[in-house]
Amino acid sequence: MDLSISSTPLKRPGWKEAAIALVSYFVLLAIMSAFMLRIPDEQAALRGNFGMAGNGIVGVIAFATAVSIRIRDLRVFGFRKIPWTWVPAGAALGLAAYGTSHLIEGAYSLLVTEVNTQADFQAGAKEGIVPLFILLFTGALLTPLGEELVFRGVIANALNRHSAGIGVVGSALIFAAVPARASSFSTHS
């Protein structure tokens, strides 16, 4: 996989890559969700960790499938070499976004009452240090990585062929239409 800079125009991902990524993502998500539905409520922590890890793995596999069909240069999927000075800036922005999400979530929970779709993840966090570490790793790194690879790496770059605005808005709409990933398939009553 080449990440070097060249002046040669790169072939962008197209509908083939977008379609294979989305089909792979949804099929694998459905399979994972079917397994999650078989995990009993007494093992909610396991179900939460399995779901969180599964979401990330599904995204990584769907991305790899899209990359493997035609274009193998990762630059066309948005991968770029960056100076290391950007890493702390990215981490700081990530922490700021994380803190802001807690404020928004707090306000939301005061205004809206609904079924707790996070119960399995909360059970995993309370189960002990190892399940908590697994949940943190998969929830903070693996799941966002998988989602970014599919929805920004493949979908947004395929839609960017039309314009940057279509790429941003289109990939965001498709991402929003995904039914809250596996957690929506696996909620128990």
N, C-alpha and C. Protein backbone atom coordinates (compact mmCIF):
# COMPACT_ATOMS: atom_id res chain seq x y z
N MET A 1 0.84 -1.18 0.00
CA MET A 1 0.00 0.00 0.00
C MET A 1 0.88 1.24 0.00
N ASP A 2 0.76 2.01 -1.04
CA ASP A 2 1.62 3.17 -1.21
C ASP A 2 0.96 4.42 -0.67
N LEU A 3 1.67 5.16 0.17
CA LEU A 3 1.17 6.44 0.69
C LEU A 3 2.05 7.60 0.26
N SER A 4 2.98 7.37 -0.66
CA SER A 4 3.87 8.44 -1.08
C SER A 4 3.11 9.45 -1.95
N ILE A 5 3.64 10.65 -2.00
CA ILE A 5 3.02 11.73 -2.77
C ILE A 5 3.52 11.66 -4.20
N SER A 6 2.62 11.72 -5.16
CA SER A 6 3.02 11.77 -6.56
C SER A 6 2.13 12.77 -7.28
N SER A 7 2.58 13.21 -8.44
CA SER A 7 1.79 14.17 -9.21
C SER A 7 0.80 13.47 -10.14
N THR A 8 0.86 12.16 -10.22
CA THR A 8 -0.06 11.41 -11.06
C THR A 8 -1.46 11.45 -10.46
N PRO A 9 -2.47 11.82 -11.26
CA PRO A 9 -3.83 11.82 -10.72
C PRO A 9 -4.23 10.41 -10.32
N LEU A 10 -4.91 10.32 -9.21
CA LEU A 10 -5.32 9.03 -8.69
C LEU A 10 -6.75 8.72 -9.10
N LYS A 11 -7.01 7.46 -9.35
CA LYS A 11 -8.36 7.02 -9.68
C LYS A 11 -9.16 6.96 -8.39
N ARG A 12 -10.26 7.68 -8.34
CA ARG A 12 -11.08 7.73 -7.13
C ARG A 12 -11.97 6.51 -7.03
N PRO A 13 -12.37 6.17 -5.79
CA PRO A 13 -13.35 5.09 -5.66
C PRO A 13 -14.65 5.51 -6.33
N GLY A 14 -15.35 4.54 -6.85
CA GLY A 14 -16.61 4.81 -7.53
C GLY A 14 -17.75 4.00 -6.93
N TRP A 15 -18.77 3.81 -7.75
CA TRP A 15 -19.96 3.11 -7.25
C TRP A 15 -19.67 1.66 -6.89
N LYS A 16 -18.73 1.03 -7.61
CA LYS A 16 -18.39 -0.37 -7.27
C LYS A 16 -17.87 -0.46 -5.84
N GLU A 17 -16.92 0.40 -5.52
CA GLU A 17 -16.34 0.37 -4.17
C GLU A 17 -17.38 0.75 -3.13
N ALA A 18 -18.19 1.78 -3.42
CA ALA A 18 -19.22 2.20 -2.46
C ALA A 18 -20.24 1.10 -2.24
N ALA A 19 -20.67 0.48 -3.31
CA ALA A 19 -21.69 -0.58 -3.19
C ALA A 19 -21.14 -1.78 -2.41
N ILE A 20 -19.94 -2.21 -2.75
CA ILE A 20 -19.38 -3.38 -2.05
C ILE A 20 -19.13 -3.07 -0.59
N ALA A 21 -18.70 -1.84 -0.28
CA ALA A 21 -18.48 -1.47 1.12
C ALA A 21 -19.79 -1.49 1.89
N LEU A 22 -20.83 -0.88 1.34
CA LEU A 22 -22.13 -0.82 2.04
C LEU A 22 -22.78 -2.19 2.15
N VAL A 23 -22.76 -2.96 1.08
CA VAL A 23 -23.35 -4.30 1.13
C VAL A 23 -22.60 -5.16 2.15
N SER A 24 -21.28 -5.13 2.10
CA SER A 24 -20.48 -5.89 3.07
C SER A 24 -20.79 -5.45 4.49
N TYR A 25 -20.86 -4.13 4.68
CA TYR A 25 -21.11 -3.57 6.01
C TYR A 25 -22.46 -4.06 6.56
N PHE A 26 -23.51 -3.95 5.74
CA PHE A 26 -24.84 -4.33 6.22
C PHE A 26 -24.99 -5.84 6.40
N VAL A 27 -24.43 -6.63 5.51
CA VAL A 27 -24.52 -8.09 5.65
C VAL A 27 -23.78 -8.55 6.90
N LEU A 28 -22.55 -8.05 7.08
CA LEU A 28 -21.78 -8.43 8.27
C LEU A 28 -22.44 -7.91 9.55
N LEU A 29 -23.03 -6.74 9.49
CA LEU A 29 -23.73 -6.19 10.65
C LEU A 29 -24.94 -7.05 11.00
N ALA A 30 -25.66 -7.50 9.99
CA ALA A 30 -26.83 -8.37 10.24
C ALA A 30 -26.40 -9.71 10.85
N ILE A 31 -25.32 -10.28 10.35
CA ILE A 31 -24.81 -11.55 10.89
C ILE A 31 -24.38 -11.36 12.34
N MET A 32 -23.63 -10.28 12.59
CA MET A 32 -23.17 -10.00 13.96
C MET A 32 -24.37 -9.78 14.89
N SER A 33 -25.35 -9.06 14.41
CA SER A 33 -26.53 -8.78 15.23
C SER A 33 -27.30 -10.05 15.55
N ALA A 34 -27.37 -10.98 14.59
CA ALA A 34 -28.05 -12.25 14.85
C ALA A 34 -27.35 -13.01 15.98
N PHE A 35 -26.03 -12.98 16.00
CA PHE A 35 -25.29 -13.61 17.10
C PHE A 35 -25.55 -12.88 18.42
N MET A 36 -25.61 -11.57 18.37
CA MET A 36 -25.83 -10.78 19.59
C MET A 36 -27.19 -11.08 20.21
N LEU A 37 -28.19 -11.30 19.37
CA LEU A 37 -29.53 -11.60 19.87
C LEU A 37 -29.59 -12.92 20.62
N ARG A 38 -28.62 -13.80 20.38
CA ARG A 38 -28.58 -15.10 21.07
C ARG A 38 -27.88 -15.04 22.42
N ILE A 39 -27.22 -13.93 22.71
CA ILE A 39 -26.54 -13.79 24.00
C ILE A 39 -27.57 -13.37 25.03
N PRO A 40 -27.74 -14.16 26.10
CA PRO A 40 -28.79 -13.87 27.07
C PRO A 40 -28.53 -12.59 27.87
N ASP A 41 -29.60 -12.06 28.44
CA ASP A 41 -29.51 -10.83 29.23
C ASP A 41 -28.56 -10.97 30.41
N GLU A 42 -28.40 -12.17 30.94
CA GLU A 42 -27.48 -12.38 32.05
C GLU A 42 -26.03 -12.11 31.65
N GLN A 43 -25.77 -12.11 30.37
CA GLN A 43 -24.43 -11.85 29.85
C GLN A 43 -24.40 -10.54 29.06
N ALA A 44 -25.09 -9.53 29.58
CA ALA A 44 -25.18 -8.22 28.91
C ALA A 44 -23.80 -7.60 28.69
N ALA A 45 -22.88 -7.79 29.62
CA ALA A 45 -21.54 -7.22 29.47
C ALA A 45 -20.83 -7.83 28.26
N LEU A 46 -20.95 -9.14 28.10
CA LEU A 46 -20.37 -9.82 26.95
C LEU A 46 -21.02 -9.31 25.66
N ARG A 47 -22.33 -9.18 25.69
CA ARG A 47 -23.05 -8.69 24.52
C ARG A 47 -22.60 -7.27 24.15
N GLY A 48 -22.40 -6.42 25.16
CA GLY A 48 -21.94 -5.06 24.90
C GLY A 48 -20.55 -5.02 24.30
N ASN A 49 -19.64 -5.81 24.86
CA ASN A 49 -18.27 -5.86 24.33
C ASN A 49 -18.23 -6.48 22.93
N PHE A 50 -19.01 -7.53 22.74
CA PHE A 50 -19.08 -8.17 21.43
C PHE A 50 -19.62 -7.19 20.39
N GLY A 51 -20.66 -6.45 20.76
CA GLY A 51 -21.25 -5.49 19.83
C GLY A 51 -20.31 -4.36 19.48
N MET A 52 -19.63 -3.83 20.47
CA MET A 52 -18.73 -2.71 20.23
C MET A 52 -17.55 -3.16 19.36
N ALA A 53 -16.96 -4.30 19.70
CA ALA A 53 -15.85 -4.82 18.90
C ALA A 53 -16.32 -5.18 17.50
N GLY A 54 -17.48 -5.80 17.44
CA GLY A 54 -18.03 -6.21 16.15
C GLY A 54 -18.26 -5.04 15.20
N ASN A 55 -18.75 -3.93 15.74
CA ASN A 55 -18.98 -2.75 14.90
C ASN A 55 -17.68 -2.32 14.22
N GLY A 56 -16.60 -2.30 14.96
CA GLY A 56 -15.33 -1.89 14.38
C GLY A 56 -14.81 -2.90 13.37
N ILE A 57 -14.88 -4.16 13.72
CA ILE A 57 -14.38 -5.22 12.83
C ILE A 57 -15.18 -5.24 11.53
N VAL A 58 -16.49 -5.06 11.62
CA VAL A 58 -17.35 -5.02 10.43
C VAL A 58 -16.90 -3.90 9.50
N GLY A 59 -16.64 -2.72 10.05
CA GLY A 59 -16.19 -1.60 9.22
C GLY A 59 -14.86 -1.85 8.56
N VAL A 60 -13.91 -2.40 9.31
CA VAL A 60 -12.59 -2.68 8.75
C VAL A 60 -12.68 -3.72 7.63
N ILE A 61 -13.49 -4.76 7.83
CA ILE A 61 -13.65 -5.79 6.79
C ILE A 61 -14.34 -5.22 5.55
N ALA A 62 -15.38 -4.40 5.76
CA ALA A 62 -16.08 -3.79 4.62
C ALA A 62 -15.14 -2.89 3.83
N PHE A 63 -14.30 -2.13 4.53
CA PHE A 63 -13.31 -1.28 3.86
C PHE A 63 -12.32 -2.14 3.08
N ALA A 64 -11.80 -3.18 3.70
CA ALA A 64 -10.83 -4.05 3.04
C ALA A 64 -11.43 -4.70 1.80
N THR A 65 -12.70 -5.05 1.87
CA THR A 65 -13.38 -5.63 0.72
C THR A 65 -13.46 -4.62 -0.42
N ALA A 66 -13.82 -3.37 -0.10
CA ALA A 66 -13.90 -2.33 -1.12
C ALA A 66 -12.54 -2.05 -1.74
N VAL A 67 -11.50 -2.02 -0.92
CA VAL A 67 -10.14 -1.76 -1.42
C VAL A 67 -9.69 -2.89 -2.33
N SER A 68 -10.04 -4.11 -1.99
CA SER A 68 -9.53 -5.27 -2.71
C SER A 68 -10.13 -5.46 -4.10
N ILE A 69 -11.28 -4.83 -4.40
CA ILE A 69 -11.92 -5.14 -5.69
C ILE A 69 -11.27 -4.46 -6.89
N ARG A 70 -10.64 -3.29 -6.67
CA ARG A 70 -10.09 -2.61 -7.84
C ARG A 70 -8.93 -1.69 -7.51
N ILE A 71 -9.11 -0.78 -6.60
CA ILE A 71 -8.11 0.25 -6.31
C ILE A 71 -7.38 -0.15 -5.03
N ARG A 72 -6.07 -0.24 -5.09
CA ARG A 72 -5.33 -0.67 -3.90
C ARG A 72 -4.43 0.43 -3.34
N ASP A 73 -4.50 1.62 -3.87
CA ASP A 73 -3.71 2.74 -3.39
C ASP A 73 -4.53 3.45 -2.30
N LEU A 74 -4.07 3.41 -1.07
CA LEU A 74 -4.84 3.96 0.05
C LEU A 74 -5.04 5.47 -0.03
N ARG A 75 -4.22 6.16 -0.80
CA ARG A 75 -4.37 7.62 -0.92
C ARG A 75 -5.73 8.00 -1.48
N VAL A 76 -6.29 7.17 -2.36
CA VAL A 76 -7.58 7.51 -2.94
C VAL A 76 -8.71 7.40 -1.93
N PHE A 77 -8.44 6.74 -0.82
CA PHE A 77 -9.43 6.60 0.25
C PHE A 77 -9.19 7.61 1.37
N GLY A 78 -8.34 8.58 1.12
CA GLY A 78 -8.13 9.67 2.07
C GLY A 78 -6.93 9.52 2.98
N PHE A 79 -6.14 8.48 2.82
CA PHE A 79 -4.95 8.31 3.66
C PHE A 79 -3.85 9.23 3.17
N ARG A 80 -3.26 9.97 4.08
CA ARG A 80 -2.17 10.89 3.76
C ARG A 80 -1.12 10.84 4.86
N LYS A 81 0.13 11.08 4.48
CA LYS A 81 1.17 11.27 5.48
C LYS A 81 0.96 12.65 6.07
N ILE A 82 1.09 12.74 7.39
CA ILE A 82 0.95 14.04 8.06
C ILE A 82 2.15 14.27 8.96
N PRO A 83 2.47 15.53 9.22
CA PRO A 83 3.52 15.80 10.20
C PRO A 83 3.03 15.38 11.59
N TRP A 84 3.94 14.87 12.40
CA TRP A 84 3.57 14.40 13.75
C TRP A 84 3.03 15.53 14.63
N THR A 85 3.29 16.77 14.26
CA THR A 85 2.78 17.90 15.05
C THR A 85 1.26 17.96 15.01
N TRP A 86 0.65 17.32 14.02
CA TRP A 86 -0.82 17.30 13.94
C TRP A 86 -1.44 16.29 14.90
N VAL A 87 -0.69 15.31 15.35
CA VAL A 87 -1.24 14.27 16.23
C VAL A 87 -1.75 14.85 17.55
N PRO A 88 -0.96 15.67 18.27
CA PRO A 88 -1.51 16.25 19.51
C PRO A 88 -2.72 17.15 19.25
N ALA A 89 -2.69 17.88 18.14
CA ALA A 89 -3.84 18.73 17.81
C ALA A 89 -5.09 17.89 17.58
N GLY A 90 -4.93 16.78 16.87
CA GLY A 90 -6.06 15.87 16.64
C GLY A 90 -6.56 15.25 17.93
N ALA A 91 -5.63 14.87 18.80
CA ALA A 91 -6.02 14.29 20.10
C ALA A 91 -6.77 15.31 20.94
N ALA A 92 -6.29 16.56 20.95
CA ALA A 92 -6.95 17.62 21.72
C ALA A 92 -8.36 17.88 21.19
N LEU A 93 -8.50 17.93 19.88
CA LEU A 93 -9.83 18.12 19.30
C LEU A 93 -10.74 16.94 19.60
N GLY A 94 -10.19 15.74 19.58
CA GLY A 94 -10.97 14.55 19.92
C GLY A 94 -11.47 14.59 21.35
N LEU A 95 -10.60 14.99 22.27
CA LEU A 95 -11.02 15.11 23.67
C LEU A 95 -12.07 16.21 23.85
N ALA A 96 -11.92 17.31 23.14
CA ALA A 96 -12.92 18.38 23.21
C ALA A 96 -14.26 17.89 22.68
N ALA A 97 -14.24 17.15 21.59
CA ALA A 97 -15.49 16.60 21.03
C ALA A 97 -16.12 15.60 22.00
N TYR A 98 -15.28 14.80 22.64
CA TYR A 98 -15.78 13.83 23.62
C TYR A 98 -16.46 14.55 24.78
N GLY A 99 -15.84 15.58 25.31
CA GLY A 99 -16.44 16.35 26.40
C GLY A 99 -17.74 17.02 25.97
N THR A 100 -17.74 17.57 24.78
CA THR A 100 -18.95 18.22 24.26
C THR A 100 -20.07 17.20 24.09
N SER A 101 -19.73 15.99 23.65
CA SER A 101 -20.77 14.97 23.47
C SER A 101 -21.43 14.62 24.80
N HIS A 102 -20.67 14.64 25.90
CA HIS A 102 -21.27 14.37 27.21
C HIS A 102 -22.23 15.48 27.63
N LEU A 103 -21.89 16.72 27.31
CA LEU A 103 -22.80 17.82 27.60
C LEU A 103 -24.10 17.69 26.81
N ILE A 104 -23.97 17.38 25.54
CA ILE A 104 -25.15 17.22 24.68
C ILE A 104 -25.98 16.02 25.14
N GLU A 105 -25.30 14.92 25.46
CA GLU A 105 -26.00 13.73 25.93
C GLU A 105 -26.74 14.00 27.24
N GLY A 106 -26.12 14.77 28.13
CA GLY A 106 -26.76 15.12 29.39
C GLY A 106 -28.02 15.95 29.17
N ALA A 107 -27.94 16.92 28.30
CA ALA A 107 -29.11 17.74 27.98
C ALA A 107 -30.18 16.90 27.31
N TYR A 108 -29.79 16.02 26.42
CA TYR A 108 -30.74 15.15 25.72
C TYR A 108 -31.48 14.25 26.71
N SER A 109 -30.73 13.66 27.65
CA SER A 109 -31.36 12.74 28.60
C SER A 109 -32.33 13.46 29.53
N LEU A 110 -32.15 14.75 29.74
CA LEU A 110 -33.09 15.52 30.55
C LEU A 110 -34.39 15.78 29.80
N LEU A 111 -34.31 15.83 28.50
CA LEU A 111 -35.47 16.20 27.69
C LEU A 111 -36.21 15.02 27.08
N VAL A 112 -35.53 13.91 26.88
CA VAL A 112 -36.13 12.78 26.18
C VAL A 112 -36.02 11.53 27.04
N THR A 113 -37.12 10.81 27.16
CA THR A 113 -37.08 9.52 27.84
C THR A 113 -37.32 8.42 26.82
N GLU A 114 -36.48 7.43 26.82
CA GLU A 114 -36.59 6.32 25.88
C GLU A 114 -35.90 5.10 26.47
N VAL A 115 -36.02 3.98 25.77
CA VAL A 115 -35.34 2.76 26.17
C VAL A 115 -33.84 3.01 26.19
N ASN A 116 -33.15 2.51 27.19
CA ASN A 116 -31.71 2.69 27.30
C ASN A 116 -30.99 1.74 26.35
N THR A 117 -30.60 2.24 25.18
CA THR A 117 -29.90 1.41 24.20
C THR A 117 -28.42 1.21 24.57
N GLN A 118 -27.97 1.86 25.62
CA GLN A 118 -26.57 1.75 26.05
C GLN A 118 -26.40 0.78 27.22
N ALA A 119 -27.47 0.10 27.63
CA ALA A 119 -27.43 -0.75 28.82
C ALA A 119 -26.34 -1.83 28.74
N ASP A 120 -26.20 -2.46 27.57
CA ASP A 120 -25.18 -3.50 27.43
C ASP A 120 -23.78 -2.93 27.59
N PHE A 121 -23.55 -1.76 27.05
CA PHE A 121 -22.24 -1.13 27.18
C PHE A 121 -21.99 -0.72 28.63
N GLN A 122 -23.02 -0.24 29.30
CA GLN A 122 -22.88 0.13 30.71
C GLN A 122 -22.59 -1.10 31.56
N ALA A 123 -23.23 -2.23 31.23
CA ALA A 123 -22.96 -3.48 31.95
C ALA A 123 -21.51 -3.90 31.74
N GLY A 124 -21.00 -3.74 30.52
CA GLY A 124 -19.60 -4.07 30.25
C GLY A 124 -18.65 -3.20 31.04
N ALA A 125 -18.99 -1.93 31.19
CA ALA A 125 -18.13 -0.99 31.93
C ALA A 125 -18.11 -1.32 33.41
N LYS A 126 -19.17 -1.91 33.94
CA LYS A 126 -19.27 -2.23 35.37
C LYS A 126 -18.77 -3.64 35.70
N GLU A 127 -18.47 -4.43 34.69
CA GLU A 127 -18.13 -5.84 34.89
C GLU A 127 -16.75 -6.06 35.49
N GLY A 128 -15.84 -5.15 35.30
CA GLY A 128 -14.48 -5.31 35.80
C GLY A 128 -13.50 -4.57 34.92
N ILE A 129 -12.23 -4.64 35.28
CA ILE A 129 -11.21 -3.87 34.57
C ILE A 129 -10.97 -4.37 33.15
N VAL A 130 -10.97 -5.68 32.93
CA VAL A 130 -10.71 -6.21 31.59
C VAL A 130 -11.86 -5.89 30.65
N PRO A 131 -13.12 -6.18 31.01
CA PRO A 131 -14.21 -5.79 30.12
C PRO A 131 -14.27 -4.28 29.89
N LEU A 132 -13.95 -3.49 30.90
CA LEU A 132 -13.93 -2.04 30.74
C LEU A 132 -12.85 -1.63 29.74
N PHE A 133 -11.65 -2.21 29.85
CA PHE A 133 -10.58 -1.90 28.92
C PHE A 133 -10.97 -2.29 27.49
N ILE A 134 -11.57 -3.47 27.33
CA ILE A 134 -12.02 -3.91 26.00
C ILE A 134 -13.04 -2.92 25.44
N LEU A 135 -13.98 -2.53 26.27
CA LEU A 135 -15.00 -1.58 25.84
C LEU A 135 -14.39 -0.23 25.46
N LEU A 136 -13.44 0.25 26.25
CA LEU A 136 -12.78 1.52 25.94
C LEU A 136 -11.99 1.44 24.64
N PHE A 137 -11.22 0.36 24.47
CA PHE A 137 -10.43 0.21 23.26
C PHE A 137 -11.32 0.11 22.02
N THR A 138 -12.32 -0.75 22.10
CA THR A 138 -13.17 -0.96 20.92
C THR A 138 -14.07 0.24 20.67
N GLY A 139 -14.56 0.89 21.74
CA GLY A 139 -15.46 2.02 21.57
C GLY A 139 -14.76 3.31 21.19
N ALA A 140 -13.54 3.48 21.66
CA ALA A 140 -12.82 4.73 21.39
C ALA A 140 -11.93 4.63 20.15
N LEU A 141 -11.51 3.44 19.78
CA LEU A 141 -10.59 3.30 18.64
C LEU A 141 -11.15 2.45 17.50
N LEU A 142 -11.51 1.22 17.81
CA LEU A 142 -11.86 0.27 16.75
C LEU A 142 -13.16 0.63 16.03
N THR A 143 -14.23 0.92 16.77
CA THR A 143 -15.50 1.24 16.14
C THR A 143 -15.41 2.52 15.31
N PRO A 144 -14.87 3.63 15.86
CA PRO A 144 -14.76 4.83 15.01
C PRO A 144 -13.86 4.60 13.79
N LEU A 145 -12.79 3.83 13.95
CA LEU A 145 -11.91 3.53 12.81
C LEU A 145 -12.69 2.83 11.71
N GLY A 146 -13.42 1.78 12.07
CA GLY A 146 -14.20 1.04 11.08
C GLY A 146 -15.24 1.91 10.39
N GLU A 147 -15.93 2.74 11.17
CA GLU A 147 -16.94 3.62 10.58
C GLU A 147 -16.31 4.66 9.67
N GLU A 148 -15.19 5.25 10.08
CA GLU A 148 -14.51 6.25 9.26
C GLU A 148 -13.99 5.63 7.96
N LEU A 149 -13.45 4.43 8.04
CA LEU A 149 -12.94 3.78 6.83
C LEU A 149 -14.04 3.60 5.80
N VAL A 150 -15.22 3.16 6.24
CA VAL A 150 -16.32 2.91 5.31
C VAL A 150 -16.96 4.22 4.84
N PHE A 151 -17.38 5.05 5.80
CA PHE A 151 -18.21 6.20 5.43
C PHE A 151 -17.43 7.40 4.92
N ARG A 152 -16.22 7.61 5.41
CA ARG A 152 -15.40 8.70 4.87
C ARG A 152 -14.44 8.17 3.81
N GLY A 153 -13.78 7.06 4.13
CA GLY A 153 -12.78 6.53 3.21
C GLY A 153 -13.36 6.09 1.88
N VAL A 154 -14.47 5.37 1.92
CA VAL A 154 -15.04 4.85 0.67
C VAL A 154 -16.19 5.73 0.19
N ILE A 155 -17.23 5.87 1.00
CA ILE A 155 -18.45 6.54 0.54
C ILE A 155 -18.19 8.02 0.21
N ALA A 156 -17.60 8.77 1.14
CA ALA A 156 -17.37 10.20 0.88
C ALA A 156 -16.46 10.40 -0.31
N ASN A 157 -15.41 9.60 -0.44
CA ASN A 157 -14.50 9.75 -1.56
C ASN A 157 -15.14 9.36 -2.89
N ALA A 158 -16.05 8.39 -2.86
CA ALA A 158 -16.79 8.05 -4.09
C ALA A 158 -17.71 9.20 -4.47
N LEU A 159 -18.38 9.80 -3.50
CA LEU A 159 -19.30 10.92 -3.78
C LEU A 159 -18.55 12.21 -4.10
N ASN A 160 -17.31 12.33 -3.65
CA ASN A 160 -16.51 13.52 -3.95
C ASN A 160 -16.25 13.68 -5.44
N ARG A 161 -16.48 12.63 -6.22
CA ARG A 161 -16.34 12.73 -7.68
C ARG A 161 -17.27 13.80 -8.23
N HIS A 162 -18.39 13.99 -7.54
CA HIS A 162 -19.39 14.97 -8.00
C HIS A 162 -19.09 16.35 -7.45
N SER A 163 -18.79 16.43 -6.17
CA SER A 163 -18.34 17.67 -5.53
C SER A 163 -18.05 17.36 -4.07
N ALA A 164 -17.25 18.22 -3.46
CA ALA A 164 -16.92 18.02 -2.04
C ALA A 164 -18.18 18.12 -1.18
N GLY A 165 -19.08 19.02 -1.53
CA GLY A 165 -20.33 19.17 -0.78
C GLY A 165 -21.18 17.91 -0.84
N ILE A 166 -21.30 17.33 -2.02
CA ILE A 166 -22.07 16.09 -2.16
C ILE A 166 -21.39 14.98 -1.37
N GLY A 167 -20.05 14.94 -1.39
CA GLY A 167 -19.32 13.92 -0.64
C GLY A 167 -19.57 14.02 0.86
N VAL A 168 -19.49 15.24 1.39
CA VAL A 168 -19.68 15.44 2.84
C VAL A 168 -21.12 15.18 3.24
N VAL A 169 -22.05 15.83 2.56
CA VAL A 169 -23.47 15.71 2.93
C VAL A 169 -23.98 14.29 2.64
N GLY A 170 -23.64 13.76 1.49
CA GLY A 170 -24.10 12.42 1.13
C GLY A 170 -23.61 11.34 2.08
N SER A 171 -22.32 11.38 2.40
CA SER A 171 -21.80 10.35 3.31
C SER A 171 -22.38 10.52 4.71
N ALA A 172 -22.61 11.77 5.13
CA ALA A 172 -23.23 12.00 6.45
C ALA A 172 -24.66 11.49 6.48
N LEU A 173 -25.40 11.69 5.40
CA LEU A 173 -26.78 11.19 5.35
C LEU A 173 -26.83 9.67 5.35
N ILE A 174 -25.94 9.05 4.59
CA ILE A 174 -25.89 7.59 4.57
C ILE A 174 -25.51 7.06 5.94
N PHE A 175 -24.53 7.69 6.58
CA PHE A 175 -24.11 7.28 7.93
C PHE A 175 -25.27 7.43 8.91
N ALA A 176 -25.99 8.54 8.82
CA ALA A 176 -27.12 8.77 9.72
C ALA A 176 -28.24 7.77 9.48
N ALA A 177 -28.37 7.29 8.25
CA ALA A 177 -29.43 6.34 7.92
C ALA A 177 -29.13 4.94 8.43
N VAL A 178 -27.87 4.66 8.72
CA VAL A 178 -27.52 3.35 9.27
C VAL A 178 -28.15 3.27 10.65
N PRO A 179 -28.99 2.29 10.88
CA PRO A 179 -29.77 2.26 12.12
C PRO A 179 -28.93 2.03 13.37
N ALA A 180 -28.21 3.07 13.78
CA ALA A 180 -27.42 3.08 15.02
C ALA A 180 -26.54 1.85 15.15
N ARG A 181 -26.05 1.40 14.03
CA ARG A 181 -25.19 0.25 13.99
C ARG A 181 -25.77 -0.93 14.77
N ALA A 182 -24.99 -1.79 15.29
CA ALA A 182 -25.48 -3.04 15.87
C ALA A 182 -26.33 -2.87 17.10
N SER A 183 -26.17 -1.78 17.83
CA SER A 183 -26.91 -1.65 19.08
C SER A 183 -28.40 -1.62 18.84
N SER A 184 -28.85 -1.11 17.69
CA SER A 184 -30.28 -1.07 17.43
C SER A 184 -30.82 -2.44 17.08
N PHE A 185 -29.97 -3.32 16.56
CA PHE A 185 -30.41 -4.66 16.22
C PHE A 185 -30.46 -5.55 17.45
N SER A 186 -29.74 -5.18 18.49
CA SER A 186 -29.53 -6.12 19.58
C SER A 186 -30.22 -5.76 20.88
N THR A 187 -31.02 -4.70 20.90
CA THR A 187 -31.66 -4.33 22.16
C THR A 187 -32.66 -5.39 22.57
N HIS A 188 -32.66 -5.68 23.84
CA HIS A 188 -33.59 -6.68 24.39
C HIS A 188 -34.63 -5.96 25.22
N SER A 189 -35.80 -6.56 25.29
CA SER A 189 -36.87 -5.98 26.11
C SER A 189 -37.00 -6.74 27.40
